[in-house]
C-alpha atoms as a PDB file:
ATOM      1  CA  MET A   1      69.408 -21.875   8.958  1.00  0.00           C
ATOM      2  CA  SER A   2      72.395 -23.804   7.612  1.00  0.00           C
ATOM      3  CA  ALA A   3      74.974 -25.414   9.871  1.00  0.00           C
ATOM      4  CA  PRO A   4      77.812 -22.949   9.075  1.00  0.00           C
ATOM      5  CA  SER A   5      75.574 -19.960   9.814  1.00  0.00           C
ATOM      6  CA  GLN A   6      74.453 -21.554  13.082  1.00  0.00           C
ATOM      7  CA  GLU A   7      78.039 -21.838  14.321  1.00  0.00           C
ATOM      8  CA  ARG A   8      78.345 -18.107  14.936  1.00  0.00           C
ATOM      9  CA  TYR A   9      75.563 -18.328  17.527  1.00  0.00           C
ATOM     10  CA  VAL A  10      77.231 -21.139  19.474  1.00  0.00           C
ATOM     11  CA  ILE A  11      78.344 -20.445  23.063  1.00  0.00           C
ATOM     12  CA  PRO A  12      81.621 -22.423  23.366  1.00  0.00           C
ATOM     13  CA  ASN A  13      81.431 -23.304  27.051  1.00  0.00           C
ATOM     14  CA  LEU A  14      77.758 -24.231  26.807  1.00  0.00           C
ATOM     15  CA  ARG A  15      78.733 -26.632  24.042  1.00  0.00           C
ATOM     16  CA  ASN A  16      81.545 -27.935  26.257  1.00  0.00           C
ATOM     17  CA  ALA A  17      79.034 -28.512  29.063  1.00  0.00           C
ATOM     18  CA  CYS A  18      76.906 -30.560  26.663  1.00  0.00           C
ATOM     19  CA  ARG A  19      79.958 -32.558  25.589  1.00  0.00           C
ATOM     20  CA  ILE A  20      80.812 -33.235  29.242  1.00  0.00           C
ATOM     21  CA  LEU A  21      77.305 -34.511  30.007  1.00  0.00           C
ATOM     22  CA  LYS A  22      77.444 -36.848  27.011  1.00  0.00           C
ATOM     23  CA  LEU A  23      80.843 -38.129  28.153  1.00  0.00           C
ATOM     24  CA  LEU A  24      79.548 -38.828  31.657  1.00  0.00           C
ATOM     25  CA  GLY A  25      76.582 -40.629  30.136  1.00  0.00           C
ATOM     26  CA  ARG A  26      78.940 -43.094  28.481  1.00  0.00           C
ATOM     27  CA  SER A  27      80.788 -43.936  31.702  1.00  0.00           C
ATOM     28  CA  PRO A  28      78.813 -45.097  34.757  1.00  0.00           C
ATOM     29  CA  ASP A  29      82.059 -45.100  36.779  1.00  0.00           C
ATOM     30  CA  GLY A  30      82.438 -41.306  36.588  1.00  0.00           C
ATOM     31  CA  PHE A  31      85.377 -39.045  35.739  1.00  0.00           C
ATOM     32  CA  LYS A  32      87.824 -36.795  37.537  1.00  0.00           C
ATOM     33  CA  VAL A  33      87.939 -33.163  36.400  1.00  0.00           C
ATOM     34  CA  ALA A  34      91.421 -33.566  34.946  1.00  0.00           C
ATOM     35  CA  ASP A  35      90.376 -36.667  33.001  1.00  0.00           C
ATOM     36  CA  ILE A  36      87.341 -34.874  31.579  1.00  0.00           C
ATOM     37  CA  GLY A  37      89.476 -31.972  30.405  1.00  0.00           C
ATOM     38  CA  ARG A  38      92.107 -34.283  28.926  1.00  0.00           C
ATOM     39  CA  THR A  39      89.557 -36.466  27.132  1.00  0.00           C
ATOM     40  CA  LEU A  40      87.647 -33.565  25.581  1.00  0.00           C
ATOM     41  CA  GLY A  41      90.561 -31.169  25.096  1.00  0.00           C
ATOM     42  CA  ILE A  42      89.169 -28.546  27.492  1.00  0.00           C
ATOM     43  CA  PRO A  43      91.507 -26.604  29.840  1.00  0.00           C
ATOM     44  CA  VAL A  44      91.330 -27.956  33.388  1.00  0.00           C
ATOM     45  CA  THR A  45      90.384 -24.584  34.900  1.00  0.00           C
ATOM     46  CA  THR A  46      87.546 -24.216  32.389  1.00  0.00           C
ATOM     47  CA  THR A  47      86.435 -27.782  33.080  1.00  0.00           C
ATOM     48  CA  LEU A  48      86.388 -27.115  36.820  1.00  0.00           C
ATOM     49  CA  ARG A  49      84.215 -24.005  36.370  1.00  0.00           C
ATOM     50  CA  ILE A  50      81.773 -25.909  34.147  1.00  0.00           C
ATOM     51  CA  MET A  51      81.606 -28.855  36.561  1.00  0.00           C
ATOM     52  CA  THR A  52      81.000 -26.531  39.527  1.00  0.00           C
ATOM     53  CA  THR A  53      78.088 -24.918  37.666  1.00  0.00           C
ATOM     54  CA  LEU A  54      76.601 -28.252  36.602  1.00  0.00           C
ATOM     55  CA  HIS A  55      76.936 -29.522  40.164  1.00  0.00           C
ATOM     56  CA  LEU A  56      75.117 -26.505  41.627  1.00  0.00           C
ATOM     57  CA  GLU A  57      72.275 -27.058  39.115  1.00  0.00           C
ATOM     58  CA  GLY A  58      71.995 -30.755  39.966  1.00  0.00           C
ATOM     59  CA  LEU A  59      73.016 -31.897  36.477  1.00  0.00           C
ATOM     60  CA  VAL A  60      76.053 -33.722  37.875  1.00  0.00           C
ATOM     61  CA  ARG A  61      76.869 -35.079  41.310  1.00  0.00           C
ATOM     62  CA  LYS A  62      80.181 -35.618  43.039  1.00  0.00           C
ATOM     63  CA  ASN A  63      81.236 -38.999  44.388  1.00  0.00           C
ATOM     64  CA  GLY A  64      84.579 -38.435  46.093  1.00  0.00           C
ATOM     65  CA  THR A  65      86.845 -37.053  43.372  1.00  0.00           C
ATOM     66  CA  LEU A  66      84.625 -38.395  40.587  1.00  0.00           C
ATOM     67  CA  TYR A  67      81.768 -36.650  38.821  1.00  0.00           C
ATOM     68  CA  GLU A  68      78.675 -38.553  37.659  1.00  0.00           C
ATOM     69  CA  LEU A  69      75.405 -37.587  36.019  1.00  0.00           C
ATOM     70  CA  GLY A  70      73.079 -35.881  38.491  1.00  0.00           C
ATOM     71  CA  PRO A  71      69.504 -36.553  39.625  1.00  0.00           C
ATOM     72  CA  VAL A  72      67.999 -33.590  37.774  1.00  0.00           C
ATOM     73  CA  LEU A  73      68.731 -35.381  34.507  1.00  0.00           C
ATOM     74  CA  ILE A  74      66.414 -38.224  35.573  1.00  0.00           C
ATOM     75  CA  GLN A  75      63.551 -35.755  35.868  1.00  0.00           C
ATOM     76  CA  LEU A  76      64.420 -34.133  32.543  1.00  0.00           C
ATOM     77  CA  GLY A  77      64.838 -37.501  30.847  1.00  0.00           C
ATOM     78  CA  ASN A  78      61.505 -38.792  32.112  1.00  0.00           C
ATOM     79  CA  ALA A  79      59.789 -35.617  30.935  1.00  0.00           C
ATOM     80  CA  SER A  80      61.398 -35.983  27.521  1.00  0.00           C
ATOM     81  CA  LEU A  81      60.443 -39.649  27.210  1.00  0.00           C
ATOM     82  CA  ALA A  82      56.878 -38.972  28.330  1.00  0.00           C
ATOM     83  CA  GLY A  83      56.467 -36.514  25.494  1.00  0.00           C
ATOM     84  CA  THR A  84      57.989 -38.723  22.834  1.00  0.00           C
ATOM     85  CA  GLU A  85      55.307 -39.587  20.294  1.00  0.00           C
ATOM     86  CA  ILE A  86      56.846 -42.879  19.342  1.00  0.00           C
ATOM     87  CA  ARG A  87      57.123 -44.013  22.969  1.00  0.00           C
ATOM     88  CA  THR A  88      53.468 -43.246  23.602  1.00  0.00           C
ATOM     89  CA  ALA A  89      52.443 -45.196  20.518  1.00  0.00           C
ATOM     90  CA  ALA A  90      54.757 -48.073  21.444  1.00  0.00           C
ATOM     91  CA  LEU A  91      53.582 -48.787  24.990  1.00  0.00           C
ATOM     92  CA  PRO A  92      50.491 -50.870  24.074  1.00  0.00           C
ATOM     93  CA  VAL A  93      52.480 -52.623  21.351  1.00  0.00           C
ATOM     94  CA  LEU A  94      55.174 -53.563  23.880  1.00  0.00           C
ATOM     95  CA  GLU A  95      52.531 -54.841  26.296  1.00  0.00           C
ATOM     96  CA  LYS A  96      51.073 -57.019  23.560  1.00  0.00           C
ATOM     97  CA  LEU A  97      54.507 -58.325  22.512  1.00  0.00           C
ATOM     98  CA  THR A  98      55.399 -59.265  26.095  1.00  0.00           C
ATOM     99  CA  ALA A  99      52.039 -60.975  26.569  1.00  0.00           C
ATOM    100  CA  GLN A 100      52.605 -62.930  23.347  1.00  0.00           C
ATOM    101  CA  THR A 101      56.198 -64.020  24.040  1.00  0.00           C
ATOM    102  CA  ASP A 102      56.181 -63.985  27.850  1.00  0.00           C
ATOM    103  CA  GLU A 103      59.485 -62.100  27.641  1.00  0.00           C
ATOM    104  CA  THR A 104      60.654 -58.525  28.221  1.00  0.00           C
ATOM    105  CA  SER A 105      60.154 -56.216  25.245  1.00  0.00           C
ATOM    106  CA  HIS A 106      61.846 -52.893  24.618  1.00  0.00           C
ATOM    107  CA  LEU A 107      61.930 -49.891  22.297  1.00  0.00           C
ATOM    108  CA  ALA A 108      65.057 -47.978  21.298  1.00  0.00           C
ATOM    109  CA  ILE A 109      65.834 -44.916  19.195  1.00  0.00           C
ATOM    110  CA  PRO A 110      69.170 -43.944  17.606  1.00  0.00           C
ATOM    111  CA  CYS A 111      71.163 -41.465  19.684  1.00  0.00           C
ATOM    112  CA  ASP A 112      74.745 -40.266  19.132  1.00  0.00           C
ATOM    113  CA  ASN A 113      75.869 -43.463  17.384  1.00  0.00           C
ATOM    114  CA  ARG A 114      74.323 -45.552  20.127  1.00  0.00           C
ATOM    115  CA  SER A 115      70.974 -47.129  20.815  1.00  0.00           C
ATOM    116  CA  LEU A 116      68.907 -45.351  23.477  1.00  0.00           C
ATOM    117  CA  ILE A 117      66.388 -47.525  25.322  1.00  0.00           C
ATOM    118  CA  VAL A 118      63.246 -45.410  25.783  1.00  0.00           C
ATOM    119  CA  ALA A 119      60.648 -47.935  26.939  1.00  0.00           C
ATOM    120  CA  VAL A 120      60.652 -51.393  28.534  1.00  0.00           C
ATOM    121  CA  GLN A 121      57.796 -53.794  29.249  1.00  0.00           C
ATOM    122  CA  ASP A 122      58.987 -56.334  31.804  1.00  0.00           C
ATOM    123  CA  SER A 123      58.202 -60.017  31.542  1.00  0.00           C
ATOM    124  CA  PRO A 124      56.499 -61.786  34.469  1.00  0.00           C
ATOM    125  CA  HIS A 125      59.638 -63.840  35.118  1.00  0.00           C
ATOM    126  CA  PRO A 126      61.579 -62.881  38.271  1.00  0.00           C
ATOM    127  CA  LEU A 127      64.901 -62.941  36.377  1.00  0.00           C
ATOM    128  CA  ARG A 128      64.931 -60.080  33.881  1.00  0.00           C
ATOM    129  CA  ALA A 129      67.862 -59.206  31.675  1.00  0.00           C
ATOM    130  CA  ALA A 130      66.728 -56.051  29.898  1.00  0.00           C
ATOM    131  CA  SER A 131      68.394 -52.661  30.307  1.00  0.00           C
ATOM    132  CA  ARG A 132      66.287 -49.866  31.757  1.00  0.00           C
ATOM    133  CA  PRO A 133      64.924 -46.770  29.955  1.00  0.00           C
ATOM    134  CA  GLY A 134      67.675 -44.211  29.481  1.00  0.00           C
ATOM    135  CA  PHE A 135      70.403 -46.792  28.867  1.00  0.00           C
ATOM    136  CA  LEU A 136      72.687 -46.182  25.881  1.00  0.00           C
ATOM    137  CA  ALA A 137      73.677 -49.486  24.259  1.00  0.00           C
ATOM    138  CA  ASP A 138      76.606 -50.003  21.915  1.00  0.00           C
ATOM    139  CA  LEU A 139      75.576 -50.548  18.319  1.00  0.00           C
ATOM    140  CA  HIS A 140      77.876 -53.463  17.510  1.00  0.00           C
ATOM    141  CA  CYS A 141      76.705 -55.824  20.247  1.00  0.00           C
ATOM    142  CA  SER A 142      73.031 -55.053  20.918  1.00  0.00           C
ATOM    143  CA  SER A 143      70.066 -56.213  18.853  1.00  0.00           C
ATOM    144  CA  THR A 144      68.613 -52.711  18.463  1.00  0.00           C
ATOM    145  CA  GLY A 145      72.086 -51.355  17.746  1.00  0.00           C
ATOM    146  CA  LYS A 146      72.706 -53.931  15.027  1.00  0.00           C
ATOM    147  CA  THR A 147      69.358 -52.974  13.537  1.00  0.00           C
ATOM    148  CA  PHE A 148      70.453 -49.335  13.361  1.00  0.00           C
ATOM    149  CA  LEU A 149      73.814 -50.330  11.869  1.00  0.00           C
ATOM    150  CA  ALA A 150      72.068 -52.289   9.135  1.00  0.00           C
ATOM    151  CA  PHE A 151      69.287 -49.873   8.278  1.00  0.00           C
ATOM    152  CA  LEU A 152      70.753 -46.467   9.197  1.00  0.00           C
ATOM    153  CA  HIS A 153      74.550 -46.588   9.350  1.00  0.00           C
ATOM    154  CA  ARG A 154      75.508 -49.251   6.826  1.00  0.00           C
ATOM    155  CA  GLU A 155      77.416 -46.783   4.630  1.00  0.00           C
ATOM    156  CA  HIS A 156      79.353 -45.397   7.600  1.00  0.00           C
ATOM    157  CA  LEU A 157      80.746 -48.556   9.197  1.00  0.00           C
ATOM    158  CA  GLY A 158      84.279 -47.565   8.239  1.00  0.00           C
ATOM    159  CA  ASP A 159      83.893 -44.241  10.029  1.00  0.00           C
ATOM    160  CA  LEU A 160      82.519 -45.932  13.127  1.00  0.00           C
ATOM    161  CA  TYR A 161      84.900 -48.880  13.396  1.00  0.00           C
ATOM    162  CA  GLY A 162      87.712 -48.329  10.888  1.00  0.00           C
ATOM    163  CA  LYS A 163      90.187 -46.701  13.278  1.00  0.00           C
ATOM    164  CA  GLU A 164      89.362 -48.046  16.717  1.00  0.00           C
ATOM    165  CA  LYS A 165      87.953 -51.429  17.653  1.00  0.00           C
ATOM    166  CA  PRO A 166      84.765 -51.309  19.707  1.00  0.00           C
ATOM    167  CA  SER A 167      84.714 -52.695  23.229  1.00  0.00           C
ATOM    168  CA  ARG A 168      84.501 -56.459  23.732  1.00  0.00           C
ATOM    169  CA  ARG A 169      81.679 -57.197  26.159  1.00  0.00           C
ATOM    170  CA  THR A 170      81.844 -60.997  26.023  1.00  0.00           C
ATOM    171  CA  PRO A 171      83.893 -63.613  24.141  1.00  0.00           C
ATOM    172  CA  ASN A 172      81.117 -63.554  21.499  1.00  0.00           C
ATOM    173  CA  THR A 173      81.307 -59.815  20.769  1.00  0.00           C
ATOM    174  CA  LEU A 174      82.188 -58.978  17.159  1.00  0.00           C
ATOM    175  CA  CYS A 175      84.956 -56.395  17.244  1.00  0.00           C
ATOM    176  CA  THR A 176      86.589 -56.269  13.793  1.00  0.00           C
ATOM    177  CA  LEU A 177      85.285 -54.130  10.960  1.00  0.00           C
ATOM    178  CA  ALA A 178      85.111 -57.176   8.670  1.00  0.00           C
ATOM    179  CA  ASP A 179      82.996 -59.142  11.178  1.00  0.00           C
ATOM    180  CA  ILE A 180      80.707 -56.175  11.790  1.00  0.00           C
ATOM    181  CA  ARG A 181      80.235 -55.696   8.027  1.00  0.00           C
ATOM    182  CA  ARG A 182      79.266 -59.356   7.590  1.00  0.00           C
ATOM    183  CA  GLU A 183      76.883 -59.170  10.524  1.00  0.00           C
ATOM    184  CA  THR A 184      75.350 -55.964   9.169  1.00  0.00           C
ATOM    185  CA  ASP A 185      74.716 -57.555   5.773  1.00  0.00           C
ATOM    186  CA  LEU A 186      73.199 -60.610   7.480  1.00  0.00           C
ATOM    187  CA  THR A 187      70.940 -58.363   9.557  1.00  0.00           C
ATOM    188  CA  ARG A 188      69.652 -56.621   6.433  1.00  0.00           C
ATOM    189  CA  LYS A 189      69.101 -59.944   4.679  1.00  0.00           C
ATOM    190  CA  ARG A 190      67.101 -61.597   7.452  1.00  0.00           C
ATOM    191  CA  GLY A 191      65.434 -58.369   8.604  1.00  0.00           C
ATOM    192  CA  TYR A 192      66.373 -58.458  12.285  1.00  0.00           C
ATOM    193  CA  GLY A 193      69.320 -57.782  14.556  1.00  0.00           C
ATOM    194  CA  LEU A 194      70.389 -60.595  16.877  1.00  0.00           C
ATOM    195  CA  ASP A 195      72.462 -60.201  20.018  1.00  0.00           C
ATOM    196  CA  ASP A 196      73.589 -63.763  20.670  1.00  0.00           C
ATOM    197  CA  GLU A 197      75.216 -63.380  24.096  1.00  0.00           C
ATOM    198  CA  GLU A 198      77.352 -60.560  22.715  1.00  0.00           C
ATOM    199  CA  PHE A 199      76.407 -57.848  25.209  1.00  0.00           C
ATOM    200  CA  ALA A 200      75.988 -60.129  28.217  1.00  0.00           C
ATOM    201  CA  LEU A 201      76.509 -63.861  28.643  1.00  0.00           C
ATOM    202  CA  GLY A 202      73.307 -65.803  29.135  1.00  0.00           C
ATOM    203  CA  VAL A 203      71.182 -63.161  27.384  1.00  0.00           C
ATOM    204  CA  ARG A 204      69.773 -63.283  23.850  1.00  0.00           C
ATOM    205  CA  CYS A 205      67.987 -60.347  22.174  1.00  0.00           C
ATOM    206  CA  LEU A 206      66.246 -59.856  18.834  1.00  0.00           C
ATOM    207  CA  ALA A 207      65.055 -56.563  17.311  1.00  0.00           C
ATOM    208  CA  MET A 208      63.579 -55.177  14.084  1.00  0.00           C
ATOM    209  CA  PRO A 209      63.300 -51.693  12.590  1.00  0.00           C
ATOM    210  CA  VAL A 210      60.289 -49.424  13.052  1.00  0.00           C
ATOM    211  CA  HIS A 211      59.523 -47.052  10.182  1.00  0.00           C
ATOM    212  CA  ALA A 212      58.229 -43.491  10.354  1.00  0.00           C
ATOM    213  CA  SER A 213      55.613 -42.168   7.938  1.00  0.00           C
ATOM    214  CA  ASP A 214      58.305 -41.112   5.442  1.00  0.00           C
ATOM    215  CA  GLY A 215      59.792 -44.622   5.385  1.00  0.00           C
ATOM    216  CA  SER A 216      62.883 -43.792   7.441  1.00  0.00           C
ATOM    217  CA  VAL A 217      63.910 -45.996  10.359  1.00  0.00           C
ATOM    218  CA  ALA A 218      62.793 -44.157  13.479  1.00  0.00           C
ATOM    219  CA  ALA A 219      63.283 -46.843  16.122  1.00  0.00           C
ATOM    220  CA  ALA A 220      63.848 -50.517  16.814  1.00  0.00           C
ATOM    221  CA  ILE A 221      61.607 -52.825  18.801  1.00  0.00           C
ATOM    222  CA  GLY A 222      62.656 -56.145  20.248  1.00  0.00           C
ATOM    223  CA  ILE A 223      62.744 -58.679  23.051  1.00  0.00           C
ATOM    224  CA  THR A 224      65.361 -59.629  25.618  1.00  0.00           C
ATOM    225  CA  ALA A 225      65.425 -62.958  27.434  1.00  0.00           C
ATOM    226  CA  SER A 226      67.572 -65.506  29.167  1.00  0.00           C
ATOM    227  CA  THR A 227      69.127 -68.023  26.785  1.00  0.00           C
ATOM    228  CA  VAL A 228      67.553 -70.722  28.957  1.00  0.00           C
ATOM    229  CA  ARG A 229      64.105 -69.589  27.772  1.00  0.00           C
ATOM    230  CA  PHE A 230      65.036 -67.917  24.473  1.00  0.00           C
ATOM    231  CA  THR A 231      66.867 -70.856  22.918  1.00  0.00           C
ATOM    232  CA  LYS A 232      68.280 -70.788  19.410  1.00  0.00           C
ATOM    233  CA  ASP A 233      65.506 -72.978  18.050  1.00  0.00           C
ATOM    234  CA  ARG A 234      63.001 -70.317  19.148  1.00  0.00           C
ATOM    235  CA  ILE A 235      64.592 -67.601  17.010  1.00  0.00           C
ATOM    236  CA  PRO A 236      62.120 -68.005  14.080  1.00  0.00           C
ATOM    237  CA  GLU A 237      59.159 -67.884  16.489  1.00  0.00           C
ATOM    238  CA  MET A 238      60.487 -64.793  18.260  1.00  0.00           C
ATOM    239  CA  ALA A 239      61.358 -63.101  14.966  1.00  0.00           C
ATOM    240  CA  GLU A 240      57.787 -63.549  13.767  1.00  0.00           C
ATOM    241  CA  ALA A 241      56.396 -62.037  16.964  1.00  0.00           C
ATOM    242  CA  VAL A 242      58.758 -59.052  16.803  1.00  0.00           C
ATOM    243  CA  ARG A 243      58.009 -58.584  13.101  1.00  0.00           C
ATOM    244  CA  GLY A 244      54.317 -58.277  13.916  1.00  0.00           C
ATOM    245  CA  ALA A 245      55.027 -55.703  16.627  1.00  0.00           C
ATOM    246  CA  ALA A 246      57.345 -53.679  14.359  1.00  0.00           C
ATOM    247  CA  THR A 247      54.744 -53.712  11.585  1.00  0.00           C
ATOM    248  CA  GLU A 248      51.997 -52.596  13.962  1.00  0.00           C
ATOM    249  CA  LEU A 249      54.036 -49.760  15.461  1.00  0.00           C
ATOM    250  CA  SER A 250      55.153 -48.593  12.010  1.00  0.00           C
ATOM    251  CA  ARG A 251      51.508 -48.483  10.955  1.00  0.00           C
ATOM    252  CA  LEU A 252      50.616 -46.422  14.029  1.00  0.00           C
ATOM    253  CA  LEU A 253      53.328 -43.950  13.017  1.00  0.00           C
ATOM    254  CA  GLY A 254      51.746 -43.562   9.586  1.00  0.00           C
ATOM    255  CA  TYR A 255      53.976 -45.867   7.574  1.00  0.00           C
ATOM    256  CA  THR A 256      52.483 -47.810   4.686  1.00  0.00           C
ATOM    257  CA  ALA A 257      54.628 -50.732   3.585  1.00  0.00           C
ATOM    258  CA  PRO A 258      55.114 -51.093  -0.181  1.00  0.00           C
ATOM    259  CA  PRO A 259      53.234 -54.045  -1.717  1.00  0.00           C
ATOM    260  CA  ARG A 260      55.208 -57.247  -2.062  1.00  0.00           C
ATOM    261  CA  PRO A 261      56.077 -58.238  -5.641  1.00  0.00           C
ATOM    262  CA  PRO A 262      54.201 -61.229  -7.086  1.00  0.00           C
ATOM    263  CA  GLU A 263      55.694 -64.644  -6.396  1.00  0.00           C
ATOM    264  CA  GLY A 264      58.369 -65.634  -8.871  1.00  0.00           C
ATOM    265  CA  LYS A 265      59.375 -62.056  -9.807  1.00  0.00           C
END
């Protein structure tokens, strides 16, 4: 069924409810009803009716005058992640990567122009910097996000960042379209995305693409560590470890890498 023909089956307020949940997912601080309606262009009375329904079903919760995502979504999210083929295949690979590097490893999939963390294998160190499963990371300042920009969204950078600058997380965050383009080209050239204290100070992350059986980029796998342990001179070592993990997971998903051309050609 084509997209235009599908539109006639859409229930407008059900779509609005989905849009509201996605909006709340991008803001851990919550929203007032009026702000939700204003942001999404939904009448306040309609927004209030939708929020009341979502609240009764446990999909949102109320904190004073603010609405946040509700506990039922945790159950639904865990059920969804548990049934994700790529997550199941990735768990032993993440365990191996963490054992090899002694650092936290993680798996992410592209989701609504963000990077969704779906699995994390914690390092044995007491200080851990990785986001938890279910976290949506910005593309421009996370290692998995940069990987998706380079290998999935490279032709759409202008659409993503041409009109509005992305948020600046740290003084190192790249926020101009020109800088993001240069970083995207560098990521493609070296084969990995690097978050060099751009999402959080004192944290360095490195990630590489994971390919599905048809050759498309289905996910990104990487490591997150304190800059005290993951120093800049360890980047080649970490890149090699992550490359091995990405290759192994791609193979488990049925991907066969094309043969390398002979040396000198």
